[in-house]
Amino acid sequence: MSEQIESQNGSEVLQNTNELIKVRYDKLKVLQEKDKDPFKITKFNVTAYSESAKSAFEALELTGTLEEHEMSERTQLSVAGRIMAKRDMGKASFITIQDQEGRIQSYVRKDELGEEDYADFKKYDIGDIIGIEGYIFRTQKGEISVRAKSVKLLSKSLQILPEKYHGLKDTEMRYRQRYVDLIVNPEVKETFLKRSAIIRSMRNFLDSQNFIEVETPVLHSIAGGAAARPFVTHHNALDIDMYMRIAPELKLKRLIVGGFDRVYEIGRVFRNEGMSIRHNPEFTIMELYQAYADYNDMMDITEALIRNASHEVNGTGVIEYDGITIDLDKPFERLTMVDAVKKYAGVDFDEITSLEAARAIAKEKHVAFEEYHMKGDILNLFFEEFVEEHLIQPTFIMDHPVEISPLSKRKPENPDYTERFELFIVGREHANAFSELNDPIDQRSRFKRQEELRAAGDDEACEIDEDFLTALEYGLPPTGGLGIGVDRIVMLLTNSASIRDVLLFPTMKPLDK
């Protein structure tokens, strides 16, 4: 019975909405018949925005030179925005418009607009975009407002904005109609302003360290640079299949070979994998490479870059995420993968000397593995199973096994492991870096092992990139490389629960599917 009532209520809401939309179309038709079609307007001269205008007026008030309701050149302005609230008092009205900075109230009087224009104005709807010319003043109730001398309809809203108090709450609809989400949920817009500031802070930081920003291709003939399943597309002119890049790594390292000592790129990468609150098929990565540096230098850069971004956007390095206080100002902990597994799983892989022993302890601890997994793979499975969730405060997990690090340089004193780290915060990986493997002979051997894994069913294993091997043969200096997941850093610094909350247009399944 309750489902029937709910369905009936839904039908009534839809019918009412359709009727309201029809009224708006009718209003537009009347305007067009009166030769007042707003869609024919091509320009409006905006001289001020809401928050800036209010701040400027307050500054004038502090000088003590303004008299109440003074209209002068200093207080004249024109603003534009979307009508978000309207209060009709007969021969006068108050409206609130929203622009890119925020909201500002306007006082509109019939005797100042004229009878015909005021009659048109009274028919404007919530959501309409208007331009107001007038002067700024403070009302008797103390609110800084714009006293309108003219109001012009610039665009007619033919849809109904979500109701004020209930808002746009449906998460799926918020992601599908981000434009509405941005209109009615100010905190969403603030998140994306912060995202822009975070990326800008990264660029400024790296530019200050003499890194050069570059652009490398998005279409690759070989999918390489990461362990991931690629998207495949077809190049018609060349009649070949190509891959959307899963990482810019191998192209960027070619630039180090070519003589650039410090390069970085911020851009989209594409991985044809599952979707979750942490994963979107396309996401933004920042990768940098520095000649004559190692993974210790990369840890220093990572720590400084993230700390700087937090101070730039939040004014502090101590932040809240999902009710947990995260201290980015303290030195990040450094822990080897072997020590981390020993600490949280109680298994010391330094004492496990054979693949058979690794498989035996995996079975004992109920850690599932594949037949092609080696000892290092099993160590990583233990790390994922027992360790990740405990890494809440910033922690560098160092010295990954060579089996899972095909592009990392081996540790000279222990060649079963590599000079690689991943940064974990709130139990999530935020960065991956290593001392780059620059030995072309070892790199070819690692690529061949990746081919064997592909043949055994690992569709994330990378292919042999012959041109990259040729580049290494010309000589890659000792190099440190770093990749940071920009979206996850934005999630962290804006206290966002899902990656979809920090992507303007996250990947969504079509409604008809």
Protein backbone atom coordinates (compact mmCIF):
# COMPACT_ATOMS: atom_id res chain seq x y z
CA MET A 1 0.00 0.00 0.00
CA SER A 2 2.81 2.43 0.92
CA GLU A 3 4.49 1.77 -2.46
CA GLN A 4 1.21 2.60 -4.20
CA ILE A 5 0.91 5.89 -2.28
CA GLU A 6 4.56 6.72 -3.01
CA SER A 7 4.01 6.03 -6.71
CA GLN A 8 0.88 8.16 -6.69
CA ASN A 9 2.72 11.04 -4.96
CA GLY A 10 5.55 10.74 -7.48
CA SER A 11 3.07 11.00 -10.35
CA GLU A 12 1.49 14.10 -8.80
CA VAL A 13 4.89 15.75 -8.35
CA LEU A 14 5.81 15.02 -11.98
CA GLN A 15 2.46 16.37 -13.21
CA ASN A 16 2.85 19.55 -11.14
CA THR A 17 6.41 19.99 -12.38
CA ASN A 18 5.34 19.59 -15.98
CA GLU A 19 2.63 22.19 -15.49
CA LEU A 20 5.11 24.65 -13.97
CA ILE A 21 7.53 24.08 -16.85
CA LYS A 22 4.70 24.75 -19.32
CA VAL A 23 3.99 28.06 -17.57
CA ARG A 24 7.63 29.04 -18.07
CA TYR A 25 7.51 28.19 -21.76
CA ASP A 26 4.32 30.28 -22.03
CA LYS A 27 6.07 33.22 -20.36
CA LEU A 28 8.93 32.93 -22.83
CA LYS A 29 6.48 32.90 -25.72
CA VAL A 30 4.85 36.12 -24.48
CA LEU A 31 8.26 37.79 -24.19
CA GLN A 32 9.15 36.72 -27.72
CA GLU A 33 5.85 38.09 -29.04
CA LYS A 34 6.66 41.42 -27.35
CA ASP A 35 10.11 41.37 -29.00
CA LYS A 36 11.78 40.87 -25.61
CA ASP A 37 13.31 37.45 -26.27
CA PRO A 38 16.12 37.10 -23.66
CA PHE A 39 17.96 34.59 -25.82
CA LYS A 40 18.67 37.33 -28.36
CA ILE A 41 20.75 39.26 -25.83
CA THR A 42 24.43 38.69 -26.51
CA LYS A 43 26.16 40.69 -23.78
CA PHE A 44 25.80 42.39 -20.41
CA ASN A 45 28.50 44.57 -18.90
CA VAL A 46 29.24 43.15 -15.43
CA THR A 47 31.30 45.58 -13.33
CA ALA A 48 31.14 43.82 -9.95
CA TYR A 49 30.55 40.48 -8.23
CA SER A 50 28.60 39.87 -5.05
CA GLU A 51 31.24 39.32 -2.38
CA SER A 52 33.75 41.77 -3.86
CA ALA A 53 31.05 44.44 -4.12
CA LYS A 54 30.02 43.97 -0.49
CA SER A 55 33.63 44.10 0.69
CA ALA A 56 34.29 47.27 -1.32
CA PHE A 57 31.18 48.92 0.13
CA GLU A 58 32.22 48.03 3.68
CA ALA A 59 35.63 49.57 3.00
CA LEU A 60 33.92 52.78 1.85
CA GLU A 61 31.78 52.79 5.00
CA LEU A 62 34.90 52.57 7.14
CA THR A 63 36.19 55.83 5.62
CA GLY A 64 33.13 57.61 7.01
CA THR A 65 32.48 59.47 3.76
CA LEU A 66 29.27 57.73 2.75
CA GLU A 67 25.92 59.08 3.76
CA GLU A 68 22.96 56.72 4.09
CA HIS A 69 21.56 55.74 0.65
CA GLU A 70 24.17 57.91 -1.05
CA MET A 71 24.22 57.34 -4.79
CA SER A 72 27.53 58.27 -6.33
CA GLU A 73 30.00 57.02 -8.92
CA ARG A 74 31.72 55.09 -6.16
CA THR A 75 28.62 53.01 -5.42
CA GLN A 76 27.23 52.52 -8.92
CA LEU A 77 27.63 49.05 -10.36
CA SER A 78 26.12 46.36 -12.53
CA VAL A 79 25.83 42.76 -11.38
CA ALA A 80 24.43 39.63 -12.98
CA GLY A 81 23.40 36.23 -11.77
CA ARG A 82 20.67 33.70 -11.21
CA ILE A 83 17.55 34.55 -9.18
CA MET A 84 17.60 32.31 -6.09
CA ALA A 85 14.94 34.02 -3.96
CA LYS A 86 12.17 36.56 -4.54
CA ARG A 87 9.94 38.47 -2.12
CA ASP A 88 7.12 40.55 -3.64
CA MET A 89 5.74 43.50 -1.64
CA GLY A 90 3.50 45.03 -4.29
CA LYS A 91 5.19 48.13 -5.61
CA ALA A 92 8.60 46.94 -4.44
CA SER A 93 10.38 43.59 -4.29
CA PHE A 94 13.50 42.03 -2.82
CA ILE A 95 15.36 39.41 -4.84
CA THR A 96 18.57 37.48 -4.21
CA ILE A 97 20.85 36.65 -7.10
CA GLN A 98 23.74 34.20 -7.14
CA ASP A 99 26.91 34.81 -9.15
CA GLN A 100 30.32 33.15 -9.22
CA GLU A 101 31.32 34.59 -5.84
CA GLY A 102 28.15 34.11 -3.83
CA ARG A 103 24.83 35.88 -3.31
CA ILE A 104 23.66 39.47 -3.04
CA GLN A 105 20.25 41.01 -2.44
CA SER A 106 18.64 43.60 -4.71
CA TYR A 107 15.87 46.06 -3.92
CA VAL A 108 13.60 46.70 -6.93
CA ARG A 109 10.98 49.47 -6.97
CA LYS A 110 8.19 50.03 -9.50
CA ASP A 111 8.65 53.82 -9.55
CA GLU A 112 12.35 53.43 -10.41
CA LEU A 113 11.99 50.74 -13.11
CA GLY A 114 8.82 52.06 -14.70
CA GLU A 115 5.44 50.34 -14.85
CA GLU A 116 6.05 48.16 -17.92
CA ASP A 117 9.52 46.95 -16.90
CA TYR A 118 8.36 46.27 -13.35
CA ALA A 119 5.41 44.26 -14.65
CA ASP A 120 7.85 42.15 -16.69
CA PHE A 121 10.17 41.79 -13.71
CA LYS A 122 7.37 40.46 -11.49
CA LYS A 123 6.92 37.57 -13.92
CA TYR A 124 10.55 36.48 -13.65
CA ASP A 125 11.06 33.05 -12.07
CA ILE A 126 13.50 31.50 -9.64
CA GLY A 127 16.40 30.32 -11.79
CA ASP A 128 16.17 33.10 -14.37
CA ILE A 129 19.45 34.89 -15.09
CA ILE A 130 19.25 38.66 -14.89
CA GLY A 131 21.45 41.73 -15.06
CA ILE A 132 20.96 44.61 -12.59
CA GLU A 133 22.26 48.15 -12.88
CA GLY A 134 22.04 50.39 -9.85
CA TYR A 135 23.99 51.34 -6.77
CA ILE A 136 24.96 49.56 -3.61
CA PHE A 137 23.63 50.58 -0.21
CA ARG A 138 22.77 49.17 3.19
CA THR A 139 19.11 48.53 4.01
CA GLN A 140 17.43 49.57 7.25
CA LYS A 141 17.86 45.96 8.41
CA GLY A 142 21.58 46.24 7.78
CA GLU A 143 21.96 44.08 4.66
CA ILE A 144 24.22 45.33 1.90
CA SER A 145 22.08 45.33 -1.26
CA VAL A 146 21.84 46.67 -4.80
CA ARG A 147 19.16 49.29 -5.41
CA ALA A 148 18.06 48.56 -8.96
CA LYS A 149 17.73 51.30 -11.57
CA SER A 150 17.20 48.71 -14.31
CA VAL A 151 16.72 44.94 -14.45
CA LYS A 152 17.21 42.97 -17.65
CA LEU A 153 16.31 39.31 -18.26
CA LEU A 154 19.39 37.70 -19.84
CA SER A 155 18.32 34.05 -19.95
CA LYS A 156 15.01 32.34 -19.20
CA SER A 157 15.21 29.23 -17.01
CA LEU A 158 12.76 26.69 -18.41
CA GLN A 159 13.42 24.05 -15.76
CA ILE A 160 12.50 24.08 -12.05
CA LEU A 161 15.33 24.30 -9.54
CA PRO A 162 15.14 21.80 -6.66
CA GLU A 163 13.04 23.07 -3.75
CA LYS A 164 15.02 25.18 -1.28
CA TYR A 165 14.90 23.06 1.85
CA HIS A 166 15.01 19.60 0.31
CA GLY A 167 17.53 20.58 -2.33
CA LEU A 168 19.24 18.18 -4.71
CA LYS A 169 19.89 15.27 -2.34
CA ASP A 170 19.85 12.27 -4.67
CA THR A 171 23.57 11.47 -5.03
CA GLU A 172 23.25 9.83 -8.42
CA MET A 173 21.32 12.80 -9.82
CA ARG A 174 23.86 15.23 -8.35
CA TYR A 175 26.63 13.54 -10.33
CA ARG A 176 24.54 13.30 -13.53
CA GLN A 177 23.36 16.92 -13.33
CA ARG A 178 26.42 18.57 -11.86
CA TYR A 179 25.29 21.92 -13.27
CA VAL A 180 22.23 21.83 -10.97
CA ASP A 181 24.35 20.53 -8.09
CA LEU A 182 26.65 23.54 -8.42
CA ILE A 183 23.70 25.93 -8.44
CA VAL A 184 21.92 24.66 -5.35
CA ASN A 185 24.75 23.27 -3.21
CA PRO A 186 27.35 26.01 -2.53
CA GLU A 187 29.69 23.59 -0.72
CA VAL A 188 30.07 21.61 -3.96
CA LYS A 189 31.33 24.66 -5.80
CA GLU A 190 33.74 25.32 -2.92
CA THR A 191 35.20 21.82 -3.34
CA PHE A 192 35.99 22.47 -6.99
CA LEU A 193 37.44 25.89 -6.26
CA LYS A 194 39.73 24.12 -3.80
CA ARG A 195 40.57 21.49 -6.41
CA SER A 196 41.71 24.24 -8.76
CA ALA A 197 43.77 25.82 -5.96
CA ILE A 198 45.40 22.47 -5.10
CA ILE A 199 46.48 21.85 -8.69
CA ARG A 200 47.71 25.44 -8.95
CA SER A 201 49.75 24.99 -5.76
CA MET A 202 51.34 21.83 -7.20
CA ARG A 203 52.32 23.67 -10.37
CA ASN A 204 53.70 26.64 -8.46
CA PHE A 205 55.67 24.39 -6.11
CA LEU A 206 57.26 22.38 -8.92
CA ASP A 207 57.94 25.48 -11.02
CA SER A 208 59.74 26.96 -8.01
CA GLN A 209 61.91 23.83 -7.91
CA ASN A 210 62.95 24.35 -11.54
CA PHE A 211 60.78 21.58 -12.98
CA ILE A 212 59.49 22.08 -16.51
CA GLU A 213 55.87 21.27 -17.32
CA VAL A 214 55.47 19.18 -20.48
CA GLU A 215 52.72 17.42 -22.41
CA THR A 216 53.00 13.86 -23.71
CA PRO A 217 50.59 11.87 -25.91
CA VAL A 218 47.36 10.42 -24.59
CA LEU A 219 47.22 7.85 -27.41
CA HIS A 220 49.89 5.15 -27.05
CA SER A 221 50.81 2.30 -29.36
CA ILE A 222 51.89 0.24 -26.32
CA ALA A 223 50.17 0.31 -22.92
CA GLY A 224 52.94 0.77 -20.40
CA GLY A 225 54.13 2.62 -17.32
CA ALA A 226 51.75 0.99 -14.84
CA ALA A 227 50.00 -2.26 -13.99
CA ALA A 228 46.52 -1.61 -15.37
CA ARG A 229 44.03 -2.74 -18.00
CA PRO A 230 43.90 -0.18 -20.84
CA PHE A 231 41.11 1.20 -22.99
CA VAL A 232 41.57 0.24 -26.64
CA THR A 233 40.64 2.48 -29.55
CA HIS A 234 41.30 2.39 -33.30
CA HIS A 235 43.24 4.91 -35.34
CA ASN A 236 41.51 4.98 -38.72
CA ALA A 237 44.22 6.78 -40.70
CA LEU A 238 46.96 4.42 -39.53
CA ASP A 239 44.57 1.44 -39.33
CA ILE A 240 46.01 0.33 -35.99
CA ASP A 241 44.65 -0.23 -32.52
CA MET A 242 45.93 2.23 -29.92
CA TYR A 243 45.59 2.58 -26.17
CA MET A 244 44.44 5.46 -24.02
CA ARG A 245 47.44 6.02 -21.79
CA ILE A 246 47.49 4.34 -18.39
CA ALA A 247 50.47 6.47 -17.34
CA PRO A 248 52.77 9.08 -18.93
CA GLU A 249 55.84 7.50 -17.29
CA LEU A 250 57.69 5.97 -20.22
CA LYS A 251 57.34 9.11 -22.36
CA LEU A 252 58.53 11.36 -19.55
CA LYS A 253 61.60 9.22 -18.88
CA ARG A 254 62.50 9.51 -22.56
CA LEU A 255 62.74 13.27 -21.94
CA ILE A 256 65.25 12.70 -19.14
CA VAL A 257 67.29 10.64 -21.62
CA GLY A 258 67.03 13.59 -24.03
CA GLY A 259 68.59 16.01 -21.56
CA PHE A 260 65.74 17.53 -19.54
CA ASP A 261 66.78 17.13 -15.90
CA ARG A 262 63.43 17.96 -14.25
CA VAL A 263 60.05 17.46 -15.93
CA TYR A 264 56.47 17.02 -14.79
CA GLU A 265 53.04 16.54 -16.29
CA ILE A 266 49.55 16.93 -14.84
CA GLY A 267 46.95 15.21 -16.96
CA ARG A 268 44.34 12.54 -17.48
CA VAL A 269 45.08 8.82 -17.55
CA PHE A 270 42.65 6.01 -18.35
CA ARG A 271 42.34 2.58 -16.76
CA ASN A 272 39.64 0.16 -17.84
CA GLU A 273 38.98 -1.20 -14.38
CA GLY A 274 36.35 -1.27 -11.66
CA MET A 275 34.60 1.78 -10.25
CA SER A 276 34.32 2.60 -6.55
CA ILE A 277 34.53 5.52 -4.14
CA ARG A 278 38.30 5.47 -4.81
CA HIS A 279 38.36 4.65 -8.53
CA ASN A 280 37.13 6.33 -11.70
CA PRO A 281 38.11 5.00 -15.15
CA GLU A 282 39.69 8.35 -16.02
CA PHE A 283 41.50 10.35 -13.40
CA THR A 284 44.17 13.02 -13.01
CA ILE A 285 47.77 12.17 -12.23
CA MET A 286 50.83 14.29 -11.58
CA GLU A 287 54.09 12.62 -12.58
CA LEU A 288 57.56 14.11 -12.24
CA TYR A 289 61.07 12.90 -12.98
CA GLN A 290 64.32 14.32 -11.66
CA ALA A 291 67.74 13.34 -12.97
CA TYR A 292 70.47 12.52 -10.45
CA ALA A 293 67.94 11.87 -7.69
CA ASP A 294 66.62 8.74 -5.95
CA TYR A 295 63.51 7.63 -4.09
CA ASN A 296 64.64 9.38 -0.90
CA ASP A 297 64.54 12.69 -2.78
CA MET A 298 61.10 11.75 -4.08
CA MET A 299 59.88 11.21 -0.50
CA ASP A 300 61.10 14.68 0.42
CA ILE A 301 59.36 16.25 -2.58
CA THR A 302 56.12 14.34 -1.95
CA GLU A 303 55.96 15.40 1.67
CA ALA A 304 56.71 19.04 0.93
CA LEU A 305 54.31 19.24 -2.03
CA ILE A 306 51.30 17.81 -0.14
CA ARG A 307 52.03 19.85 2.98
CA ASN A 308 52.31 23.02 0.87
CA ALA A 309 49.00 22.28 -0.89
CA SER A 310 47.24 21.82 2.45
CA HIS A 311 48.51 25.15 3.75
CA GLU A 312 47.58 26.87 0.48
CA VAL A 313 43.94 25.71 0.50
CA ASN A 314 43.21 25.12 4.20
CA GLY A 315 45.67 27.43 5.92
CA THR A 316 47.03 24.53 7.99
CA GLY A 317 48.67 21.14 7.72
CA VAL A 318 46.41 19.65 10.39
CA ILE A 319 43.17 18.58 8.72
CA GLU A 320 40.05 16.54 9.42
CA TYR A 321 39.11 13.62 7.24
CA ASP A 322 36.01 11.56 8.01
CA GLY A 323 36.23 12.55 11.67
CA ILE A 324 39.96 11.72 11.94
CA THR A 325 42.65 14.34 12.55
CA ILE A 326 45.48 14.00 10.03
CA ASP A 327 48.75 15.82 10.76
CA LEU A 328 50.55 16.65 7.52
CA ASP A 329 53.00 18.93 9.33
CA LYS A 330 54.75 16.09 11.17
CA PRO A 331 57.46 14.17 9.30
CA PHE A 332 55.81 11.28 7.45
CA GLU A 333 56.59 7.84 8.86
CA ARG A 334 58.87 5.60 6.76
CA LEU A 335 58.37 1.84 6.97
CA THR A 336 59.53 -0.99 4.72
CA MET A 337 56.89 -3.34 3.34
CA VAL A 338 58.55 -6.28 5.11
CA ASP A 339 58.49 -4.47 8.47
CA ALA A 340 54.89 -3.34 7.91
CA VAL A 341 53.72 -6.91 7.27
CA LYS A 342 55.71 -8.11 10.27
CA LYS A 343 54.09 -5.41 12.44
CA TYR A 344 50.47 -5.93 11.41
CA ALA A 345 50.34 -9.55 10.20
CA GLY A 346 52.95 -11.11 12.46
CA VAL A 347 54.77 -12.67 9.50
CA ASP A 348 58.46 -11.95 8.85
CA PHE A 349 59.17 -12.40 5.13
CA ASP A 350 62.89 -11.99 5.79
CA GLU A 351 62.68 -15.45 7.33
CA ILE A 352 60.74 -16.90 4.37
CA THR A 353 63.40 -18.07 1.95
CA SER A 354 61.43 -19.98 -0.67
CA LEU A 355 58.30 -19.76 -2.78
CA GLU A 356 57.00 -22.94 -1.14
CA ALA A 357 57.32 -21.39 2.30
CA ALA A 358 55.54 -18.24 1.10
CA ARG A 359 52.66 -20.27 -0.30
CA ALA A 360 52.42 -22.31 2.88
CA ILE A 361 52.12 -19.24 5.14
CA ALA A 362 49.59 -17.73 2.70
CA LYS A 363 47.41 -20.81 2.98
CA GLU A 364 47.78 -20.78 6.75
CA LYS A 365 46.68 -17.12 6.90
CA HIS A 366 43.93 -17.61 4.27
CA VAL A 367 45.53 -15.24 1.77
CA ALA A 368 44.45 -16.22 -1.75
CA PHE A 369 47.10 -16.24 -4.47
CA GLU A 370 47.49 -17.30 -8.10
CA GLU A 371 49.81 -20.00 -9.40
CA TYR A 372 51.96 -17.44 -11.20
CA HIS A 373 52.54 -15.43 -8.02
CA MET A 374 56.09 -15.44 -6.68
CA LYS A 375 57.29 -14.76 -3.14
CA GLY A 376 57.27 -10.99 -3.65
CA ASP A 377 53.73 -11.09 -5.01
CA ILE A 378 52.61 -12.96 -1.90
CA LEU A 379 54.31 -10.41 0.35
CA ASN A 380 52.29 -7.71 -1.40
CA LEU A 381 49.08 -9.71 -0.94
CA PHE A 382 49.80 -9.87 2.80
CA PHE A 383 50.37 -6.11 2.80
CA GLU A 384 47.03 -5.46 1.09
CA GLU A 385 45.18 -7.88 3.36
CA PHE A 386 46.62 -6.94 6.75
CA VAL A 387 48.38 -3.57 6.58
CA GLU A 388 46.71 -0.93 4.37
CA GLU A 389 43.73 -0.23 6.63
CA HIS A 390 46.04 0.63 9.54
CA LEU A 391 48.00 3.33 7.68
CA ILE A 392 45.95 6.35 8.76
CA GLN A 393 48.63 8.97 9.37
CA PRO A 394 50.93 9.69 6.40
CA THR A 395 53.24 6.70 5.92
CA PHE A 396 55.76 5.89 3.22
CA ILE A 397 55.80 2.12 2.59
CA MET A 398 59.23 1.44 1.14
CA ASP A 399 61.26 -1.25 -0.59
CA HIS A 400 58.71 -3.19 -2.63
CA PRO A 401 59.62 -6.64 -3.97
CA VAL A 402 61.03 -6.71 -7.49
CA GLU A 403 58.18 -8.95 -8.74
CA ILE A 404 55.64 -6.13 -8.44
CA SER A 405 58.01 -3.32 -9.48
CA PRO A 406 59.01 -3.84 -13.14
CA LEU A 407 60.30 -0.27 -13.61
CA SER A 408 62.09 0.23 -10.27
CA LYS A 409 65.81 0.01 -9.55
CA ARG A 410 66.89 -2.88 -7.32
CA LYS A 411 68.35 -2.17 -3.89
CA PRO A 412 72.09 -2.78 -4.29
CA GLU A 413 72.35 -4.50 -0.90
CA ASN A 414 69.23 -6.63 -1.41
CA PRO A 415 68.34 -7.15 -5.09
CA ASP A 416 65.09 -9.01 -4.30
CA TYR A 417 63.66 -5.60 -3.37
CA THR A 418 63.53 -2.22 -5.09
CA GLU A 419 63.98 1.42 -4.19
CA ARG A 420 60.27 2.10 -4.40
CA PHE A 421 57.68 3.60 -2.07
CA GLU A 422 53.97 4.22 -1.90
CA LEU A 423 52.43 6.91 0.30
CA PHE A 424 49.42 5.86 2.36
CA ILE A 425 47.08 8.24 4.21
CA VAL A 426 43.71 7.22 5.72
CA GLY A 427 44.37 3.69 4.49
CA ARG A 428 44.63 4.75 0.83
CA GLU A 429 47.51 4.99 -1.58
CA HIS A 430 48.13 8.59 -2.65
CA ALA A 431 51.52 8.39 -4.37
CA ASN A 432 53.88 5.87 -5.98
CA ALA A 433 57.56 6.53 -6.66
CA PHE A 434 60.92 4.92 -7.14
CA SER A 435 64.51 5.18 -8.16
CA GLU A 436 64.06 4.52 -11.85
CA LEU A 437 65.47 1.38 -13.39
CA ASN A 438 68.03 2.63 -15.92
CA ASP A 439 69.74 -0.67 -16.75
CA PRO A 440 68.42 -1.66 -20.21
CA ILE A 441 69.48 -5.29 -19.76
CA ASP A 442 67.63 -5.69 -16.46
CA GLN A 443 64.66 -3.75 -17.89
CA ARG A 444 64.37 -6.14 -20.84
CA SER A 445 64.41 -9.07 -18.42
CA ARG A 446 61.65 -7.46 -16.34
CA PHE A 447 59.56 -6.82 -19.47
CA LYS A 448 59.93 -10.46 -20.50
CA ARG A 449 58.67 -11.52 -17.09
CA GLN A 450 55.67 -9.21 -17.62
CA GLU A 451 55.00 -10.94 -20.95
CA GLU A 452 55.02 -14.30 -19.17
CA LEU A 453 52.50 -12.95 -16.66
CA ARG A 454 50.24 -11.73 -19.50
CA ALA A 455 50.38 -15.17 -21.05
CA ALA A 456 49.47 -16.66 -17.67
CA GLY A 457 46.34 -14.51 -17.47
CA ASP A 458 47.49 -11.25 -15.85
CA ASP A 459 45.88 -8.65 -18.16
CA GLU A 460 47.43 -5.81 -16.13
CA ALA A 461 51.01 -6.86 -16.93
CA CYS A 462 52.80 -4.47 -19.30
CA GLU A 463 54.15 -5.16 -22.79
CA ILE A 464 57.72 -4.87 -24.05
CA ASP A 465 58.37 -1.31 -25.25
CA GLU A 466 61.30 -1.67 -27.64
CA ASP A 467 61.68 2.06 -28.24
CA PHE A 468 61.87 2.69 -24.48
CA LEU A 469 64.58 0.03 -24.23
CA THR A 470 66.46 1.77 -27.04
CA ALA A 471 66.21 5.05 -25.10
CA LEU A 472 67.70 3.33 -22.05
CA GLU A 473 70.53 2.02 -24.19
CA TYR A 474 71.42 5.61 -25.06
CA GLY A 475 71.69 6.23 -21.31
CA LEU A 476 69.24 7.30 -18.60
CA PRO A 477 71.03 9.02 -15.71
CA PRO A 478 70.19 7.95 -12.15
CA THR A 479 66.66 9.30 -11.83
CA GLY A 480 63.89 9.61 -9.26
CA GLY A 481 60.28 9.42 -10.43
CA LEU A 482 57.01 10.18 -8.65
CA GLY A 483 53.33 9.79 -9.45
CA ILE A 484 50.62 11.40 -7.31
CA GLY A 485 46.90 10.74 -7.64
CA VAL A 486 45.58 14.28 -7.81
CA ASP A 487 41.95 13.29 -7.21
CA ARG A 488 42.82 11.45 -3.99
CA ILE A 489 44.82 14.42 -2.72
CA VAL A 490 41.79 16.62 -3.44
CA MET A 491 39.56 14.13 -1.59
CA LEU A 492 41.90 14.28 1.39
CA LEU A 493 42.21 18.06 1.52
CA THR A 494 38.47 18.70 1.01
CA ASN A 495 37.24 15.91 3.31
CA SER A 496 35.38 14.25 0.43
CA ALA A 497 34.20 10.67 0.89
CA SER A 498 34.07 9.64 -2.78
CA ILE A 499 36.22 10.35 -5.82
CA ARG A 500 32.98 11.34 -7.59
CA ASP A 501 32.71 14.27 -5.19
CA VAL A 502 35.92 15.78 -6.59
CA LEU A 503 35.31 15.06 -10.29
CA LEU A 504 33.07 17.56 -12.03
CA PHE A 505 31.71 14.91 -14.37
CA PRO A 506 32.41 11.40 -13.05
CA THR A 507 31.86 8.41 -15.30
CA MET A 508 28.23 7.24 -15.05
CA LYS A 509 26.31 4.41 -16.62
CA PRO A 510 23.78 5.80 -19.16
CA LEU A 511 20.25 5.89 -17.78
CA ASP A 512 18.98 3.67 -20.59
CA LYS A 513 21.42 0.95 -19.47
